Amino acid sequence: MGRGMYCSLSLIIVFLCYSCVSAINVTHDGRAIIIDGKRRVLISGSIHYPRSTSEMWPDLIQKAKDGGLDAIETYVFWNAHEPNPRQYDFSGNLDLVKFIKTVQNAGLYLVLRIGPYVCAEWNYG
């Protein structure tokens, strides 16, 4: 499977998950993603939630939206969430659910890069 097709399928999966929550129709015709019957080219930017405080997220996300972005992309920084086996941390700036809801409340899509590898100048990611 080519890289482009892999990326397209990944986006479709993300949008299908989003559509379950937001009641939108997402399809793919081999050339583009189609959301609610409209061919879309989505413009996304990265916000890495652990690199800022949760209080900063609404402003950062709103600035991204004001700048014309349709989607926010982020990794799941699993080595921060599970620093030791079976010891989990989703508090403060690691509150992934809060970050996702903040993006959704701003009316943007989220591209969640589950990993496990983080390629963003992140130690042990």
PDB file of N, CA and C in Angstrom:
ATOM      1  N   MET A   1       0.846  -1.165   0.000  1.00  0.00           N
ATOM      2  CA  MET A   1       0.000   0.000   0.000  1.00  0.00           C
ATOM      3  C   MET A   1       0.894   1.230   0.000  1.00  0.00           C
ATOM      4  N   GLY A   2       0.624   2.186  -0.879  1.00  0.00           N
ATOM      5  CA  GLY A   2       1.434   3.382  -0.980  1.00  0.00           C
ATOM      6  C   GLY A   2       1.223   4.325   0.187  1.00  0.00           C
ATOM      7  N   ARG A   3       2.164   5.222   0.363  1.00  0.00           N
ATOM      8  CA  ARG A   3       2.109   6.166   1.479  1.00  0.00           C
ATOM      9  C   ARG A   3       0.870   7.048   1.406  1.00  0.00           C
ATOM     10  N   GLY A   4       0.542   7.517   0.205  1.00  0.00           N
ATOM     11  CA  GLY A   4      -0.634   8.366   0.044  1.00  0.00           C
ATOM     12  C   GLY A   4      -1.915   7.653   0.422  1.00  0.00           C
ATOM     13  N   MET A   5      -2.030   6.399   0.010  1.00  0.00           N
ATOM     14  CA  MET A   5      -3.224   5.622   0.343  1.00  0.00           C
ATOM     15  C   MET A   5      -3.290   5.364   1.844  1.00  0.00           C
ATOM     16  N   TYR A   6      -2.132   5.089   2.468  1.00  0.00           N
ATOM     17  CA  TYR A   6      -2.085   4.864   3.909  1.00  0.00           C
ATOM     18  C   TYR A   6      -2.549   6.120   4.650  1.00  0.00           C
ATOM     19  N   CYS A   7      -2.067   7.294   4.220  1.00  0.00           N
ATOM     20  CA  CYS A   7      -2.476   8.550   4.850  1.00  0.00           C
ATOM     21  C   CYS A   7      -3.967   8.784   4.666  1.00  0.00           C
ATOM     22  N   SER A   8      -4.462   8.521   3.464  1.00  0.00           N
ATOM     23  CA  SER A   8      -5.889   8.698   3.196  1.00  0.00           C
ATOM     24  C   SER A   8      -6.725   7.783   4.076  1.00  0.00           C
ATOM     25  N   LEU A   9      -6.323   6.532   4.183  1.00  0.00           N
ATOM     26  CA  LEU A   9      -7.072   5.595   5.020  1.00  0.00           C
ATOM     27  C   LEU A   9      -7.019   5.999   6.486  1.00  0.00           C
ATOM     28  N   SER A  10      -5.878   6.507   6.932  1.00  0.00           N
ATOM     29  CA  SER A  10      -5.762   6.969   8.313  1.00  0.00           C
ATOM     30  C   SER A  10      -6.718   8.121   8.574  1.00  0.00           C
ATOM     31  N   LEU A  11      -6.772   9.059   7.637  1.00  0.00           N
ATOM     32  CA  LEU A  11      -7.689  10.186   7.791  1.00  0.00           C
ATOM     33  C   LEU A  11      -9.136   9.727   7.787  1.00  0.00           C
ATOM     34  N   ILE A  12      -9.458   8.790   6.926  1.00  0.00           N
ATOM     35  CA  ILE A  12     -10.828   8.284   6.879  1.00  0.00           C
ATOM     36  C   ILE A  12     -11.207   7.661   8.218  1.00  0.00           C
ATOM     37  N   ILE A  13     -10.303   6.897   8.801  1.00  0.00           N
ATOM     38  CA  ILE A  13     -10.582   6.284  10.098  1.00  0.00           C
ATOM     39  C   ILE A  13     -10.828   7.353  11.153  1.00  0.00           C
ATOM     40  N   VAL A  14      -9.997   8.395  11.165  1.00  0.00           N
ATOM     41  CA  VAL A  14     -10.180   9.484  12.124  1.00  0.00           C
ATOM     42  C   VAL A  14     -11.533  10.142  11.918  1.00  0.00           C
ATOM     43  N   PHE A  15     -11.882  10.427  10.674  1.00  0.00           N
ATOM     44  CA  PHE A  15     -13.151  11.089  10.412  1.00  0.00           C
ATOM     45  C   PHE A  15     -14.340  10.186  10.690  1.00  0.00           C
ATOM     46  N   LEU A  16     -14.193   8.895  10.479  1.00  0.00           N
ATOM     47  CA  LEU A  16     -15.275   7.977  10.813  1.00  0.00           C
ATOM     48  C   LEU A  16     -15.514   7.968  12.316  1.00  0.00           C
ATOM     49  N   CYS A  17     -14.436   7.984  13.082  1.00  0.00           N
ATOM     50  CA  CYS A  17     -14.585   8.062  14.536  1.00  0.00           C
ATOM     51  C   CYS A  17     -15.261   9.366  14.928  1.00  0.00           C
ATOM     52  N   TYR A  18     -14.844  10.457  14.304  1.00  0.00           N
ATOM     53  CA  TYR A  18     -15.438  11.761  14.585  1.00  0.00           C
ATOM     54  C   TYR A  18     -16.903  11.774  14.183  1.00  0.00           C
ATOM     55  N   SER A  19     -17.230  11.142  13.058  1.00  0.00           N
ATOM     56  CA  SER A  19     -18.607  11.148  12.579  1.00  0.00           C
ATOM     57  C   SER A  19     -19.525  10.390  13.521  1.00  0.00           C
ATOM     58  N   CYS A  20     -18.998   9.408  14.237  1.00  0.00           N
ATOM     59  CA  CYS A  20     -19.818   8.688  15.210  1.00  0.00           C
ATOM     60  C   CYS A  20     -20.276   9.621  16.320  1.00  0.00           C
ATOM     61  N   VAL A  21     -19.466  10.607  16.632  1.00  0.00           N
ATOM     62  CA  VAL A  21     -19.796  11.558  17.677  1.00  0.00           C
ATOM     63  C   VAL A  21     -20.590  12.731  17.119  1.00  0.00           C
ATOM     64  N   SER A  22     -20.265  13.185  15.921  1.00  0.00           N
ATOM     65  CA  SER A  22     -20.825  14.413  15.385  1.00  0.00           C
ATOM     66  C   SER A  22     -21.870  14.210  14.302  1.00  0.00           C
ATOM     67  N   ALA A  23     -22.196  12.972  13.958  1.00  0.00           N
ATOM     68  CA  ALA A  23     -23.218  12.661  12.954  1.00  0.00           C
ATOM     69  C   ALA A  23     -22.924  13.315  11.608  1.00  0.00           C
ATOM     70  N   ILE A  24     -21.718  13.119  11.111  1.00  0.00           N
ATOM     71  CA  ILE A  24     -21.378  13.570   9.773  1.00  0.00           C
ATOM     72  C   ILE A  24     -21.112  12.348   8.915  1.00  0.00           C
ATOM     73  N   ASN A  25     -21.189  12.525   7.612  1.00  0.00           N
ATOM     74  CA  ASN A  25     -20.963  11.435   6.672  1.00  0.00           C
ATOM     75  C   ASN A  25     -19.601  11.628   6.015  1.00  0.00           C
ATOM     76  N   VAL A  26     -18.722  10.647   6.158  1.00  0.00           N
ATOM     77  CA  VAL A  26     -17.374  10.730   5.599  1.00  0.00           C
ATOM     78  C   VAL A  26     -17.169   9.560   4.650  1.00  0.00           C
ATOM     79  N   THR A  27     -16.735   9.875   3.422  1.00  0.00           N
ATOM     80  CA  THR A  27     -16.422   8.845   2.441  1.00  0.00           C
ATOM     81  C   THR A  27     -15.123   9.209   1.740  1.00  0.00           C
ATOM     82  N   HIS A  28     -14.710   8.342   0.826  1.00  0.00           N
ATOM     83  CA  HIS A  28     -13.485   8.542   0.058  1.00  0.00           C
ATOM     84  C   HIS A  28     -13.735   7.993  -1.330  1.00  0.00           C
ATOM     85  N   ASP A  29     -13.361   8.731  -2.353  1.00  0.00           N
ATOM     86  CA  ASP A  29     -13.627   8.268  -3.718  1.00  0.00           C
ATOM     87  C   ASP A  29     -12.358   7.891  -4.484  1.00  0.00           C
ATOM     88  N   GLY A  30     -11.242   7.709  -3.798  1.00  0.00           N
ATOM     89  CA  GLY A  30      -9.991   7.386  -4.468  1.00  0.00           C
ATOM     90  C   GLY A  30      -9.181   8.615  -4.830  1.00  0.00           C
ATOM     91  N   ARG A  31      -9.781   9.784  -4.726  1.00  0.00           N
ATOM     92  CA  ARG A  31      -9.086  11.033  -5.043  1.00  0.00           C
ATOM     93  C   ARG A  31      -9.102  12.014  -3.887  1.00  0.00           C
ATOM     94  N   ALA A  32     -10.143  11.942  -3.066  1.00  0.00           N
ATOM     95  CA  ALA A  32     -10.275  12.930  -2.002  1.00  0.00           C
ATOM     96  C   ALA A  32     -11.174  12.396  -0.893  1.00  0.00           C
ATOM     97  N   ILE A  33     -11.108  13.059   0.237  1.00  0.00           N
ATOM     98  CA  ILE A  33     -12.042  12.811   1.328  1.00  0.00           C
ATOM     99  C   ILE A  33     -13.287  13.633   1.040  1.00  0.00           C
ATOM    100  N   ILE A  34     -14.435  13.029   1.267  1.00  0.00           N
ATOM    101  CA  ILE A  34     -15.710  13.709   1.050  1.00  0.00           C
ATOM    102  C   ILE A  34     -16.435  13.731   2.388  1.00  0.00           C
ATOM    103  N   ILE A  35     -16.707  14.925   2.885  1.00  0.00           N
ATOM    104  CA  ILE A  35     -17.384  15.106   4.165  1.00  0.00           C
ATOM    105  C   ILE A  35     -18.736  15.732   3.894  1.00  0.00           C
ATOM    106  N   ASP A  36     -19.790  15.025   4.299  1.00  0.00           N
ATOM    107  CA  ASP A  36     -21.166  15.472   4.068  1.00  0.00           C
ATOM    108  C   ASP A  36     -21.398  15.857   2.615  1.00  0.00           C
ATOM    109  N   GLY A  37     -20.887  15.034   1.704  1.00  0.00           N
ATOM    110  CA  GLY A  37     -21.122  15.227   0.280  1.00  0.00           C
ATOM    111  C   GLY A  37     -20.232  16.249  -0.395  1.00  0.00           C
ATOM    112  N   LYS A  38     -19.320  16.868   0.341  1.00  0.00           N
ATOM    113  CA  LYS A  38     -18.445  17.900  -0.228  1.00  0.00           C
ATOM    114  C   LYS A  38     -16.998  17.423  -0.206  1.00  0.00           C
ATOM    115  N   ARG A  39     -16.353  17.523  -1.358  1.00  0.00           N
ATOM    116  CA  ARG A  39     -14.932  17.194  -1.454  1.00  0.00           C
ATOM    117  C   ARG A  39     -14.159  18.220  -0.625  1.00  0.00           C
ATOM    118  N   ARG A  40     -13.254  17.740   0.227  1.00  0.00           N
ATOM    119  CA  ARG A  40     -12.545  18.636   1.136  1.00  0.00           C
ATOM    120  C   ARG A  40     -11.039  18.457   1.037  1.00  0.00           C
ATOM    121  N   VAL A  41     -10.346  19.536   1.092  1.00  0.00           N
ATOM    122  CA  VAL A  41      -8.907  19.550   1.318  1.00  0.00           C
ATOM    123  C   VAL A  41      -8.746  20.182   2.693  1.00  0.00           C
ATOM    124  N   LEU A  42      -8.281  19.397   3.625  1.00  0.00           N
ATOM    125  CA  LEU A  42      -8.150  19.883   4.991  1.00  0.00           C
ATOM    126  C   LEU A  42      -6.749  20.432   5.226  1.00  0.00           C
ATOM    127  N   ILE A  43      -6.706  21.546   5.905  1.00  0.00           N
ATOM    128  CA  ILE A  43      -5.443  22.178   6.278  1.00  0.00           C
ATOM    129  C   ILE A  43      -5.281  21.970   7.785  1.00  0.00           C
ATOM    130  N   SER A  44      -4.189  21.308   8.161  1.00  0.00           N
ATOM    131  CA  SER A  44      -3.993  21.027   9.583  1.00  0.00           C
ATOM    132  C   SER A  44      -2.661  21.580  10.066  1.00  0.00           C
ATOM    133  N   GLY A  45      -2.579  21.729  11.357  1.00  0.00           N
ATOM    134  CA  GLY A  45      -1.348  22.139  12.005  1.00  0.00           C
ATOM    135  C   GLY A  45      -1.192  21.367  13.299  1.00  0.00           C
ATOM    136  N   SER A  46       0.024  21.277  13.784  1.00  0.00           N
ATOM    137  CA  SER A  46       0.304  20.488  14.990  1.00  0.00           C
ATOM    138  C   SER A  46       0.257  21.339  16.245  1.00  0.00           C
ATOM    139  N   ILE A  47      -0.382  20.807  17.250  1.00  0.00           N
ATOM    140  CA  ILE A  47      -0.284  21.326  18.610  1.00  0.00           C
ATOM    141  C   ILE A  47       0.014  20.115  19.481  1.00  0.00           C
ATOM    142  N   HIS A  48       1.157  20.105  20.096  1.00  0.00           N
ATOM    143  CA  HIS A  48       1.542  18.993  20.963  1.00  0.00           C
ATOM    144  C   HIS A  48       1.130  19.345  22.388  1.00  0.00           C
ATOM    145  N   TYR A  49       0.031  18.760  22.820  1.00  0.00           N
ATOM    146  CA  TYR A  49      -0.599  19.136  24.087  1.00  0.00           C
ATOM    147  C   TYR A  49       0.327  19.096  25.308  1.00  0.00           C
ATOM    148  N   PRO A  50       1.305  18.174  25.425  1.00  0.00           N
ATOM    149  CA  PRO A  50       2.144  18.197  26.630  1.00  0.00           C
ATOM    150  C   PRO A  50       3.122  19.371  26.674  1.00  0.00           C
ATOM    151  N   ARG A  51       3.265  20.068  25.564  1.00  0.00           N
ATOM    152  CA  ARG A  51       4.254  21.153  25.503  1.00  0.00           C
ATOM    153  C   ARG A  51       3.681  22.503  25.918  1.00  0.00           C
ATOM    154  N   SER A  52       2.425  22.508  26.353  1.00  0.00           N
ATOM    155  CA  SER A  52       1.799  23.729  26.852  1.00  0.00           C
ATOM    156  C   SER A  52       0.852  23.340  27.980  1.00  0.00           C
ATOM    157  N   THR A  53       0.422  24.312  28.753  1.00  0.00           N
ATOM    158  CA  THR A  53      -0.513  24.011  29.838  1.00  0.00           C
ATOM    159  C   THR A  53      -1.922  23.879  29.270  1.00  0.00           C
ATOM    160  N   SER A  54      -2.770  23.158  29.983  1.00  0.00           N
ATOM    161  CA  SER A  54      -4.146  22.984  29.508  1.00  0.00           C
ATOM    162  C   SER A  54      -4.895  24.314  29.459  1.00  0.00           C
ATOM    163  N   GLU A  55      -4.481  25.274  30.262  1.00  0.00           N
ATOM    164  CA  GLU A  55      -5.104  26.603  30.215  1.00  0.00           C
ATOM    165  C   GLU A  55      -4.783  27.326  28.911  1.00  0.00           C
ATOM    166  N   MET A  56      -3.681  26.985  28.272  1.00  0.00           N
ATOM    167  CA  MET A  56      -3.285  27.620  27.010  1.00  0.00           C
ATOM    168  C   MET A  56      -4.005  27.034  25.800  1.00  0.00           C
ATOM    169  N   TRP A  57      -4.537  25.814  25.916  1.00  0.00           N
ATOM    170  CA  TRP A  57      -5.086  25.120  24.758  1.00  0.00           C
ATOM    171  C   TRP A  57      -6.196  25.876  24.033  1.00  0.00           C
ATOM    172  N   PRO A  58      -7.204  26.429  24.736  1.00  0.00           N
ATOM    173  CA  PRO A  58      -8.266  27.119  23.983  1.00  0.00           C
ATOM    174  C   PRO A  58      -7.736  28.261  23.118  1.00  0.00           C
ATOM    175  N   ASP A  59      -6.808  29.037  23.655  1.00  0.00           N
ATOM    176  CA  ASP A  59      -6.250  30.155  22.891  1.00  0.00           C
ATOM    177  C   ASP A  59      -5.414  29.667  21.709  1.00  0.00           C
ATOM    178  N   LEU A  60      -4.585  28.655  21.928  1.00  0.00           N
ATOM    179  CA  LEU A  60      -3.774  28.107  20.833  1.00  0.00           C
ATOM    180  C   LEU A  60      -4.656  27.544  19.722  1.00  0.00           C
ATOM    181  N   ILE A  61      -5.693  26.821  20.109  1.00  0.00           N
ATOM    182  CA  ILE A  61      -6.590  26.214  19.130  1.00  0.00           C
ATOM    183  C   ILE A  61      -7.375  27.286  18.388  1.00  0.00           C
ATOM    184  N   GLN A  62      -7.831  28.312  19.101  1.00  0.00           N
ATOM    185  CA  GLN A  62      -8.567  29.395  18.442  1.00  0.00           C
ATOM    186  C   GLN A  62      -7.673  30.145  17.458  1.00  0.00           C
ATOM    187  N   LYS A  63      -6.427  30.361  17.818  1.00  0.00           N
ATOM    188  CA  LYS A  63      -5.492  31.019  16.897  1.00  0.00           C
ATOM    189  C   LYS A  63      -5.267  30.170  15.654  1.00  0.00           C
ATOM    190  N   ALA A  64      -5.201  28.858  15.826  1.00  0.00           N
ATOM    191  CA  ALA A  64      -5.061  27.963  14.673  1.00  0.00           C
ATOM    192  C   ALA A  64      -6.289  28.065  13.776  1.00  0.00           C
ATOM    193  N   LYS A  65      -7.463  28.089  14.384  1.00  0.00           N
ATOM    194  CA  LYS A  65      -8.706  28.215  13.614  1.00  0.00           C
ATOM    195  C   LYS A  65      -8.760  29.566  12.904  1.00  0.00           C
ATOM    196  N   ASP A  66      -8.423  30.629  13.613  1.00  0.00           N
ATOM    197  CA  ASP A  66      -8.416  31.970  13.014  1.00  0.00           C
ATOM    198  C   ASP A  66      -7.421  32.059  11.861  1.00  0.00           C
ATOM    199  N   GLY A  67      -6.368  31.261  11.927  1.00  0.00           N
ATOM    200  CA  GLY A  67      -5.369  31.227  10.863  1.00  0.00           C
ATOM    201  C   GLY A  67      -5.778  30.388   9.665  1.00  0.00           C
ATOM    202  N   GLY A  68      -6.960  29.789   9.720  1.00  0.00           N
ATOM    203  CA  GLY A  68      -7.478  29.057   8.575  1.00  0.00           C
ATOM    204  C   GLY A  68      -7.348  27.547   8.636  1.00  0.00           C
ATOM    205  N   LEU A  69      -6.950  27.011   9.772  1.00  0.00           N
ATOM    206  CA  LEU A  69      -6.822  25.558   9.868  1.00  0.00           C
ATOM    207  C   LEU A  69      -8.187  24.899  10.059  1.00  0.00           C
ATOM    208  N   ASP A  70      -8.328  23.696   9.505  1.00  0.00           N
ATOM    209  CA  ASP A  70      -9.535  22.884   9.665  1.00  0.00           C
ATOM    210  C   ASP A  70      -9.338  21.789  10.699  1.00  0.00           C
ATOM    211  N   ALA A  71      -8.081  21.434  10.961  1.00  0.00           N
ATOM    212  CA  ALA A  71      -7.785  20.282  11.813  1.00  0.00           C
ATOM    213  C   ALA A  71      -6.525  20.533  12.628  1.00  0.00           C
ATOM    214  N   ILE A  72      -6.503  19.924  13.798  1.00  0.00           N
ATOM    215  CA  ILE A  72      -5.324  19.937  14.652  1.00  0.00           C
ATOM    216  C   ILE A  72      -4.760  18.523  14.663  1.00  0.00           C
ATOM    217  N   GLU A  73      -3.463  18.407  14.495  1.00  0.00           N
ATOM    218  CA  GLU A  73      -2.775  17.111  14.503  1.00  0.00           C
ATOM    219  C   GLU A  73      -1.937  17.039  15.763  1.00  0.00           C
ATOM    220  N   THR A  74      -1.985  15.896  16.426  1.00  0.00           N
ATOM    221  CA  THR A  74      -1.127  15.691  17.589  1.00  0.00           C
ATOM    222  C   THR A  74      -0.766  14.222  17.729  1.00  0.00           C
ATOM    223  N   TYR A  75       0.367  13.988  18.310  1.00  0.00           N
ATOM    224  CA  TYR A  75       0.772  12.641  18.696  1.00  0.00           C
ATOM    225  C   TYR A  75       0.112  12.297  20.028  1.00  0.00           C
ATOM    226  N   VAL A  76       0.073  11.019  20.370  1.00  0.00           N
ATOM    227  CA  VAL A  76      -0.196  10.580  21.733  1.00  0.00           C
ATOM    228  C   VAL A  76       1.167  10.247  22.330  1.00  0.00           C
ATOM    229  N   PHE A  77       1.572  11.015  23.305  1.00  0.00           N
ATOM    230  CA  PHE A  77       2.904  10.899  23.900  1.00  0.00           C
ATOM    231  C   PHE A  77       2.882   9.817  24.974  1.00  0.00           C
ATOM    232  N   TRP A  78       2.875   8.579  24.513  1.00  0.00           N
ATOM    233  CA  TRP A  78       2.627   7.467  25.425  1.00  0.00           C
ATOM    234  C   TRP A  78       3.704   7.330  26.494  1.00  0.00           C
ATOM    235  N   ASN A  79       4.950   7.683  26.194  1.00  0.00           N
ATOM    236  CA  ASN A  79       5.979   7.546  27.228  1.00  0.00           C
ATOM    237  C   ASN A  79       5.766   8.549  28.360  1.00  0.00           C
ATOM    238  N   ALA A  80       5.029   9.623  28.104  1.00  0.00           N
ATOM    239  CA  ALA A  80       4.662  10.549  29.176  1.00  0.00           C
ATOM    240  C   ALA A  80       3.438  10.030  29.936  1.00  0.00           C
ATOM    241  N   HIS A  81       2.518   9.406  29.211  1.00  0.00           N
ATOM    242  CA  HIS A  81       1.305   8.881  29.846  1.00  0.00           C
ATOM    243  C   HIS A  81       1.571   7.627  30.681  1.00  0.00           C
ATOM    244  N   GLU A  82       2.572   6.853  30.309  1.00  0.00           N
ATOM    245  CA  GLU A  82       2.914   5.641  31.061  1.00  0.00           C
ATOM    246  C   GLU A  82       4.421   5.636  31.341  1.00  0.00           C
ATOM    247  N   PRO A  83       4.859   6.458  32.300  1.00  0.00           N
ATOM    248  CA  PRO A  83       6.296   6.549  32.565  1.00  0.00           C
ATOM    249  C   PRO A  83       6.890   5.247  33.101  1.00  0.00           C
ATOM    250  N   ASN A  84       6.073   4.466  33.771  1.00  0.00           N
ATOM    251  CA  ASN A  84       6.468   3.150  34.273  1.00  0.00           C
ATOM    252  C   ASN A  84       5.348   2.171  33.934  1.00  0.00           C
ATOM    253  N   PRO A  85       5.668   0.903  33.763  1.00  0.00           N
ATOM    254  CA  PRO A  85       4.627  -0.065  33.417  1.00  0.00           C
ATOM    255  C   PRO A  85       3.423   0.000  34.371  1.00  0.00           C
ATOM    256  N   ARG A  86       2.242   0.105  33.783  1.00  0.00           N
ATOM    257  CA  ARG A  86       0.966   0.144  34.496  1.00  0.00           C
ATOM    258  C   ARG A  86       0.819   1.339  35.448  1.00  0.00           C
ATOM    259  N   GLN A  87       1.605   2.365  35.232  1.00  0.00           N
ATOM    260  CA  GLN A  87       1.484   3.608  36.002  1.00  0.00           C
ATOM    261  C   GLN A  87       1.137   4.702  34.990  1.00  0.00           C
ATOM    262  N   TYR A  88      -0.103   5.179  35.021  1.00  0.00           N
ATOM    263  CA  TYR A  88      -0.607   6.080  33.986  1.00  0.00           C
ATOM    264  C   TYR A  88      -0.796   7.487  34.524  1.00  0.00           C
ATOM    265  N   ASP A  89      -0.601   8.458  33.647  1.00  0.00           N
ATOM    266  CA  ASP A  89      -0.768   9.862  34.011  1.00  0.00           C
ATOM    267  C   ASP A  89      -1.491  10.585  32.882  1.00  0.00           C
ATOM    268  N   PHE A  90      -2.721  10.995  33.144  1.00  0.00           N
ATOM    269  CA  PHE A  90      -3.493  11.790  32.196  1.00  0.00           C
ATOM    270  C   PHE A  90      -3.949  13.083  32.870  1.00  0.00           C
ATOM    271  N   SER A  91      -3.106  13.629  33.733  1.00  0.00           N
ATOM    272  CA  SER A  91      -3.451  14.840  34.471  1.00  0.00           C
ATOM    273  C   SER A  91      -2.769  16.060  33.856  1.00  0.00           C
ATOM    274  N   GLY A  92      -3.275  17.236  34.217  1.00  0.00           N
ATOM    275  CA  GLY A  92      -2.655  18.493  33.796  1.00  0.00           C
ATOM    276  C   GLY A  92      -2.499  18.605  32.295  1.00  0.00           C
ATOM    277  N   ASN A  93      -1.285  18.886  31.857  1.00  0.00           N
ATOM    278  CA  ASN A  93      -1.051  19.041  30.416  1.00  0.00           C
ATOM    279  C   ASN A  93      -1.020  17.701  29.681  1.00  0.00           C
ATOM    280  N   LEU A  94      -1.221  16.597  30.391  1.00  0.00           N
ATOM    281  CA  LEU A  94      -1.314  15.276  29.761  1.00  0.00           C
ATOM    282  C   LEU A  94      -2.769  14.803  29.643  1.00  0.00           C
ATOM    283  N   ASP A  95      -3.722  15.685  29.918  1.00  0.00           N
ATOM    284  CA  ASP A  95      -5.144  15.328  29.861  1.00  0.00           C
ATOM    285  C   ASP A  95      -5.598  15.271  28.403  1.00  0.00           C
ATOM    286  N   LEU A  96      -5.391  14.135  27.786  1.00  0.00           N
ATOM    287  CA  LEU A  96      -5.679  13.958  26.362  1.00  0.00           C
ATOM    288  C   LEU A  96      -7.155  14.139  26.052  1.00  0.00           C
ATOM    289  N   VAL A  97      -8.033  13.627  26.895  1.00  0.00           N
ATOM    290  CA  VAL A  97      -9.475  13.760  26.656  1.00  0.00           C
ATOM    291  C   VAL A  97      -9.881  15.230  26.666  1.00  0.00           C
ATOM    292  N   LYS A  98      -9.360  15.993  27.609  1.00  0.00           N
ATOM    293  CA  LYS A  98      -9.665  17.427  27.668  1.00  0.00           C
ATOM    294  C   LYS A  98      -9.170  18.132  26.407  1.00  0.00           C
ATOM    295  N   PHE A  99      -7.988  17.767  25.939  1.00  0.00           N
ATOM    296  CA  PHE A  99      -7.451  18.375  24.721  1.00  0.00           C
ATOM    297  C   PHE A  99      -8.347  18.065  23.527  1.00  0.00           C
ATOM    298  N   ILE A 100      -8.753  16.801  23.393  1.00  0.00           N
ATOM    299  CA  ILE A 100      -9.616  16.404  22.274  1.00  0.00           C
ATOM    300  C   ILE A 100     -10.937  17.161  22.329  1.00  0.00           C
ATOM    301  N   LYS A 101     -11.530  17.272  23.504  1.00  0.00           N
ATOM    302  CA  LYS A 101     -12.804  17.992  23.646  1.00  0.00           C
ATOM    303  C   LYS A 101     -12.632  19.478  23.351  1.00  0.00           C
ATOM    304  N   THR A 102     -11.497  20.040  23.702  1.00  0.00           N
ATOM    305  CA  THR A 102     -11.236  21.455  23.414  1.00  0.00           C
ATOM    306  C   THR A 102     -11.158  21.684  21.909  1.00  0.00           C
ATOM    307  N   VAL A 103     -10.507  20.783  21.194  1.00  0.00           N
ATOM    308  CA  VAL A 103     -10.451  20.873  19.727  1.00  0.00           C
ATOM    309  C   VAL A 103     -11.857  20.740  19.151  1.00  0.00           C
ATOM    310  N   GLN A 104     -12.612  19.769  19.625  1.00  0.00           N
ATOM    311  CA  GLN A 104     -13.972  19.552  19.131  1.00  0.00           C
ATOM    312  C   GLN A 104     -14.856  20.767  19.408  1.00  0.00           C
ATOM    313  N   ASN A 105     -14.765  21.339  20.600  1.00  0.00           N
ATOM    314  CA  ASN A 105     -15.577  22.508  20.946  1.00  0.00           C
ATOM    315  C   ASN A 105     -15.254  23.715  20.079  1.00  0.00           C
ATOM    316  N   ALA A 106     -14.046  23.763  19.544  1.00  0.00           N
ATOM    317  CA  ALA A 106     -13.659  24.853  18.642  1.00  0.00           C
ATOM    318  C   ALA A 106     -14.173  24.614  17.224  1.00  0.00           C
ATOM    319  N   GLY A 107     -14.759  23.438  16.978  1.00  0.00           N
ATOM    320  CA  GLY A 107     -15.298  23.139  15.655  1.00  0.00           C
ATOM    321  C   GLY A 107     -14.262  22.654  14.664  1.00  0.00           C
ATOM    322  N   LEU A 108     -13.153  22.131  15.163  1.00  0.00           N
ATOM    323  CA  LEU A 108     -12.095  21.628  14.294  1.00  0.00           C
ATOM    324  C   LEU A 108     -12.050  20.105  14.350  1.00  0.00           C
ATOM    325  N   TYR A 109     -11.470  19.510  13.324  1.00  0.00           N
ATOM    326  CA  TYR A 109     -11.213  18.077  13.312  1.00  0.00           C
ATOM    327  C   TYR A 109      -9.905  17.813  14.043  1.00  0.00           C
ATOM    328  N   LEU A 110      -9.719  16.559  14.461  1.00  0.00           N
ATOM    329  CA  LEU A 110      -8.493  16.159  15.130  1.00  0.00           C
ATOM    330  C   LEU A 110      -7.887  14.976  14.396  1.00  0.00           C
ATOM    331  N   VAL A 111      -6.617  15.074  14.087  1.00  0.00           N
ATOM    332  CA  VAL A 111      -5.865  13.953  13.533  1.00  0.00           C
ATOM    333  C   VAL A 111      -4.993  13.444  14.675  1.00  0.00           C
ATOM    334  N   LEU A 112      -5.357  12.294  15.210  1.00  0.00           N
ATOM    335  CA  LEU A 112      -4.682  11.735  16.370  1.00  0.00           C
ATOM    336  C   LEU A 112      -3.669  10.696  15.915  1.00  0.00           C
ATOM    337  N   ARG A 113      -2.412  10.990  16.133  1.00  0.00           N
ATOM    338  CA  ARG A 113      -1.326  10.087  15.733  1.00  0.00           C
ATOM    339  C   ARG A 113      -0.984   9.219  16.937  1.00  0.00           C
ATOM    340  N   ILE A 114      -1.529   8.021  16.945  1.00  0.00           N
ATOM    341  CA  ILE A 114      -1.485   7.158  18.115  1.00  0.00           C
ATOM    342  C   ILE A 114      -0.085   6.632  18.406  1.00  0.00           C
ATOM    343  N   GLY A 115       0.694   6.389  17.423  1.00  0.00           N
ATOM    344  CA  GLY A 115       2.076   5.999  17.672  1.00  0.00           C
ATOM    345  C   GLY A 115       2.327   4.520  17.500  1.00  0.00           C
ATOM    346  N   PRO A 116       3.296   3.988  18.176  1.00  0.00           N
ATOM    347  CA  PRO A 116       3.885   4.426  19.433  1.00  0.00           C
ATOM    348  C   PRO A 116       5.012   5.447  19.286  1.00  0.00           C
ATOM    349  N   TYR A 117       5.577   5.606  18.086  1.00  0.00           N
ATOM    350  CA  TYR A 117       6.744   6.470  17.934  1.00  0.00           C
ATOM    351  C   TYR A 117       6.338   7.923  17.728  1.00  0.00           C
ATOM    352  N   VAL A 118       7.021   8.819  18.420  1.00  0.00           N
ATOM    353  CA  VAL A 118       6.826  10.253  18.257  1.00  0.00           C
ATOM    354  C   VAL A 118       8.062  10.800  17.568  1.00  0.00           C
ATOM    355  N   CYS A 119       7.875  11.396  16.431  1.00  0.00           N
ATOM    356  CA  CYS A 119       8.992  11.948  15.665  1.00  0.00           C
ATOM    357  C   CYS A 119       8.914  13.471  15.733  1.00  0.00           C
ATOM    358  N   ALA A 120       9.065  14.013  16.922  1.00  0.00           N
ATOM    359  CA  ALA A 120       8.907  15.452  17.098  1.00  0.00           C
ATOM    360  C   ALA A 120       9.871  15.978  18.153  1.00  0.00           C
ATOM    361  N   GLU A 121      11.132  15.610  18.004  1.00  0.00           N
ATOM    362  CA  GLU A 121      12.150  16.038  18.960  1.00  0.00           C
ATOM    363  C   GLU A 121      11.696  15.728  20.386  1.00  0.00           C
ATOM    364  N   TRP A 122      11.277  14.491  20.600  1.00  0.00           N
ATOM    365  CA  TRP A 122      10.751  14.050  21.889  1.00  0.00           C
ATOM    366  C   TRP A 122      11.588  12.867  22.360  1.00  0.00           C
ATOM    367  N   ASN A 123      12.256  13.007  23.488  1.00  0.00           N
ATOM    368  CA  ASN A 123      13.124  11.939  23.990  1.00  0.00           C
ATOM    369  C   ASN A 123      12.347  10.670  24.307  1.00  0.00           C
ATOM    370  N   TYR A 124      12.861   9.567  23.844  1.00  0.00           N
ATOM    371  CA  TYR A 124      12.312   8.229  24.101  1.00  0.00           C
ATOM    372  C   TYR A 124      10.910   8.045  23.542  1.00  0.00           C
ATOM    373  N   GLY A 125      10.526   8.884  22.596  1.00  0.00           N
ATOM    374  CA  GLY A 125       9.177   8.831  22.038  1.00  0.00           C
ATOM    375  C   GLY A 125       9.096   7.871  20.925  1.00  0.00           C
TER     376      GLY A 125
END
